[in-house]
Amino acid sequence: MMDDLWRKSTHSGETNSCVEARFADGYALTRDTQNRDAATLAVPAREWLAFLREAQAGGF
């Protein structure tokens, strides 16, 4: 996978203590910035977007 397609929150600043995310083939993919070669979590994009909406609404 190309690293330039991965995004991390601007709230994380210059640290690597966060996760990165990207969309590919109908999935939202996440990985640990401290161990990018480890496992990648794949969640259906629809479910990821529902999670983000709930988080932005203060649901967690």
N, C-alpha and C. Protein backbone atom coordinates (compact mmCIF):
# COMPACT_ATOMS: atom_id res chain seq x y z
N MET A 1 0.83 -1.18 0.00
CA MET A 1 0.00 0.00 0.00
C MET A 1 0.87 1.24 0.00
N MET A 2 0.41 2.26 -0.64
CA MET A 2 1.18 3.49 -0.70
C MET A 2 0.96 4.31 0.56
N ASP A 3 2.04 4.72 1.21
CA ASP A 3 1.95 5.46 2.46
C ASP A 3 1.32 6.83 2.29
N ASP A 4 1.40 7.44 1.11
CA ASP A 4 0.86 8.78 0.95
C ASP A 4 -0.67 8.81 0.98
N LEU A 5 -1.32 7.67 0.94
CA LEU A 5 -2.78 7.61 1.01
C LEU A 5 -3.29 7.55 2.45
N TRP A 6 -2.41 7.32 3.39
CA TRP A 6 -2.78 7.24 4.80
C TRP A 6 -2.87 8.63 5.39
N ARG A 7 -3.84 8.83 6.29
CA ARG A 7 -4.04 10.12 6.96
C ARG A 7 -4.07 9.91 8.46
N LYS A 8 -3.55 10.90 9.19
CA LYS A 8 -3.69 10.86 10.64
C LYS A 8 -4.25 12.20 11.09
N SER A 9 -4.84 12.19 12.24
CA SER A 9 -5.49 13.38 12.78
C SER A 9 -4.50 14.52 12.94
N THR A 10 -4.94 15.72 12.62
CA THR A 10 -4.10 16.90 12.84
C THR A 10 -3.94 17.16 14.33
N HIS A 11 -4.81 16.60 15.15
CA HIS A 11 -4.73 16.76 16.61
C HIS A 11 -3.56 15.99 17.20
N SER A 12 -3.00 15.05 16.46
CA SER A 12 -1.89 14.26 16.99
C SER A 12 -0.56 14.99 16.87
N GLY A 13 -0.53 16.10 16.15
CA GLY A 13 0.70 16.87 16.01
C GLY A 13 1.78 16.08 15.31
N GLU A 14 3.01 16.23 15.78
CA GLU A 14 4.15 15.56 15.17
C GLU A 14 4.47 14.23 15.84
N THR A 15 3.66 13.81 16.79
CA THR A 15 3.93 12.55 17.47
C THR A 15 3.51 11.37 16.61
N ASN A 16 4.00 10.22 16.96
CA ASN A 16 3.59 8.98 16.30
C ASN A 16 2.74 8.13 17.22
N SER A 17 2.11 8.75 18.20
CA SER A 17 1.28 8.03 19.16
C SER A 17 -0.18 8.09 18.74
N CYS A 18 -0.45 7.53 17.59
CA CYS A 18 -1.82 7.58 17.07
C CYS A 18 -2.00 6.50 16.01
N VAL A 19 -3.11 6.51 15.38
CA VAL A 19 -3.37 5.61 14.27
C VAL A 19 -3.53 6.44 13.00
N GLU A 20 -3.35 5.78 11.88
CA GLU A 20 -3.58 6.38 10.58
C GLU A 20 -4.75 5.65 9.93
N ALA A 21 -5.44 6.34 9.05
CA ALA A 21 -6.60 5.72 8.39
C ALA A 21 -6.59 6.06 6.90
N ARG A 22 -7.24 5.19 6.15
CA ARG A 22 -7.45 5.44 4.71
C ARG A 22 -8.64 4.62 4.25
N PHE A 23 -9.20 4.98 3.13
CA PHE A 23 -10.28 4.24 2.52
C PHE A 23 -9.75 3.51 1.30
N ALA A 24 -10.17 2.25 1.13
CA ALA A 24 -9.78 1.45 -0.02
C ALA A 24 -10.78 0.33 -0.22
N ASP A 25 -11.28 0.21 -1.42
CA ASP A 25 -12.16 -0.90 -1.80
C ASP A 25 -13.35 -1.09 -0.88
N GLY A 26 -13.96 0.02 -0.45
CA GLY A 26 -15.15 -0.06 0.39
C GLY A 26 -14.88 -0.27 1.87
N TYR A 27 -13.62 -0.21 2.26
CA TYR A 27 -13.25 -0.39 3.66
C TYR A 27 -12.49 0.82 4.18
N ALA A 28 -12.61 1.04 5.48
CA ALA A 28 -11.76 1.99 6.18
C ALA A 28 -10.67 1.16 6.83
N LEU A 29 -9.44 1.50 6.56
CA LEU A 29 -8.30 0.77 7.09
C LEU A 29 -7.62 1.62 8.15
N THR A 30 -7.19 1.01 9.23
CA THR A 30 -6.45 1.73 10.26
C THR A 30 -5.20 0.93 10.61
N ARG A 31 -4.16 1.67 10.98
CA ARG A 31 -2.90 1.04 11.40
C ARG A 31 -2.23 1.91 12.45
N ASP A 32 -1.35 1.30 13.21
CA ASP A 32 -0.60 1.97 14.26
C ASP A 32 0.59 2.70 13.64
N THR A 33 0.76 3.98 13.95
CA THR A 33 1.88 4.72 13.37
C THR A 33 3.23 4.28 13.93
N GLN A 34 3.23 3.64 15.10
CA GLN A 34 4.49 3.18 15.68
C GLN A 34 4.92 1.83 15.13
N ASN A 35 4.01 1.13 14.46
CA ASN A 35 4.33 -0.19 13.90
C ASN A 35 3.53 -0.37 12.62
N ARG A 36 3.88 0.39 11.61
CA ARG A 36 3.11 0.40 10.36
C ARG A 36 3.10 -0.94 9.63
N ASP A 37 4.07 -1.77 9.86
CA ASP A 37 4.13 -3.05 9.17
C ASP A 37 3.33 -4.14 9.88
N ALA A 38 2.79 -3.83 11.03
CA ALA A 38 1.97 -4.80 11.76
C ALA A 38 0.59 -4.89 11.10
N ALA A 39 -0.32 -5.50 11.77
CA ALA A 39 -1.66 -5.73 11.24
C ALA A 39 -2.39 -4.42 10.92
N THR A 40 -3.25 -4.48 9.93
CA THR A 40 -4.13 -3.38 9.56
C THR A 40 -5.55 -3.82 9.84
N LEU A 41 -6.30 -2.98 10.54
CA LEU A 41 -7.70 -3.27 10.84
C LEU A 41 -8.55 -2.76 9.68
N ALA A 42 -9.38 -3.62 9.12
CA ALA A 42 -10.27 -3.27 8.02
C ALA A 42 -11.72 -3.33 8.51
N VAL A 43 -12.43 -2.22 8.36
CA VAL A 43 -13.83 -2.11 8.78
C VAL A 43 -14.62 -1.60 7.58
N PRO A 44 -15.82 -2.14 7.33
CA PRO A 44 -16.61 -1.59 6.23
C PRO A 44 -16.74 -0.07 6.37
N ALA A 45 -16.53 0.65 5.27
CA ALA A 45 -16.53 2.11 5.31
C ALA A 45 -17.81 2.67 5.92
N ARG A 46 -18.94 2.06 5.64
CA ARG A 46 -20.21 2.53 6.19
C ARG A 46 -20.19 2.50 7.72
N GLU A 47 -19.63 1.44 8.29
CA GLU A 47 -19.55 1.31 9.74
C GLU A 47 -18.56 2.32 10.33
N TRP A 48 -17.46 2.54 9.66
CA TRP A 48 -16.47 3.52 10.13
C TRP A 48 -17.07 4.92 10.14
N LEU A 49 -17.79 5.28 9.10
CA LEU A 49 -18.40 6.60 9.03
C LEU A 49 -19.47 6.77 10.11
N ALA A 50 -20.22 5.72 10.41
CA ALA A 50 -21.20 5.77 11.50
C ALA A 50 -20.49 5.97 12.84
N PHE A 51 -19.36 5.30 13.04
CA PHE A 51 -18.56 5.49 14.25
C PHE A 51 -18.09 6.94 14.37
N LEU A 52 -17.57 7.50 13.29
CA LEU A 52 -17.10 8.88 13.32
C LEU A 52 -18.22 9.87 13.64
N ARG A 53 -19.39 9.66 13.03
CA ARG A 53 -20.54 10.54 13.31
C ARG A 53 -20.91 10.48 14.79
N GLU A 54 -20.94 9.30 15.34
CA GLU A 54 -21.30 9.15 16.76
C GLU A 54 -20.23 9.78 17.66
N ALA A 55 -18.97 9.62 17.31
CA ALA A 55 -17.90 10.22 18.10
C ALA A 55 -17.97 11.74 18.04
N GLN A 56 -18.23 12.29 16.86
CA GLN A 56 -18.33 13.74 16.72
C GLN A 56 -19.54 14.30 17.47
N ALA A 57 -20.56 13.50 17.63
CA ALA A 57 -21.77 13.93 18.35
C ALA A 57 -21.61 13.78 19.85
N GLY A 58 -20.46 13.29 20.30
CA GLY A 58 -20.21 13.12 21.74
C GLY A 58 -20.77 11.84 22.30
N GLY A 59 -21.02 10.86 21.46
CA GLY A 59 -21.63 9.62 21.88
C GLY A 59 -20.71 8.67 22.65
N PHE A 60 -19.42 8.98 22.73
CA PHE A 60 -18.50 8.08 23.43
C PHE A 60 -17.84 8.79 24.57
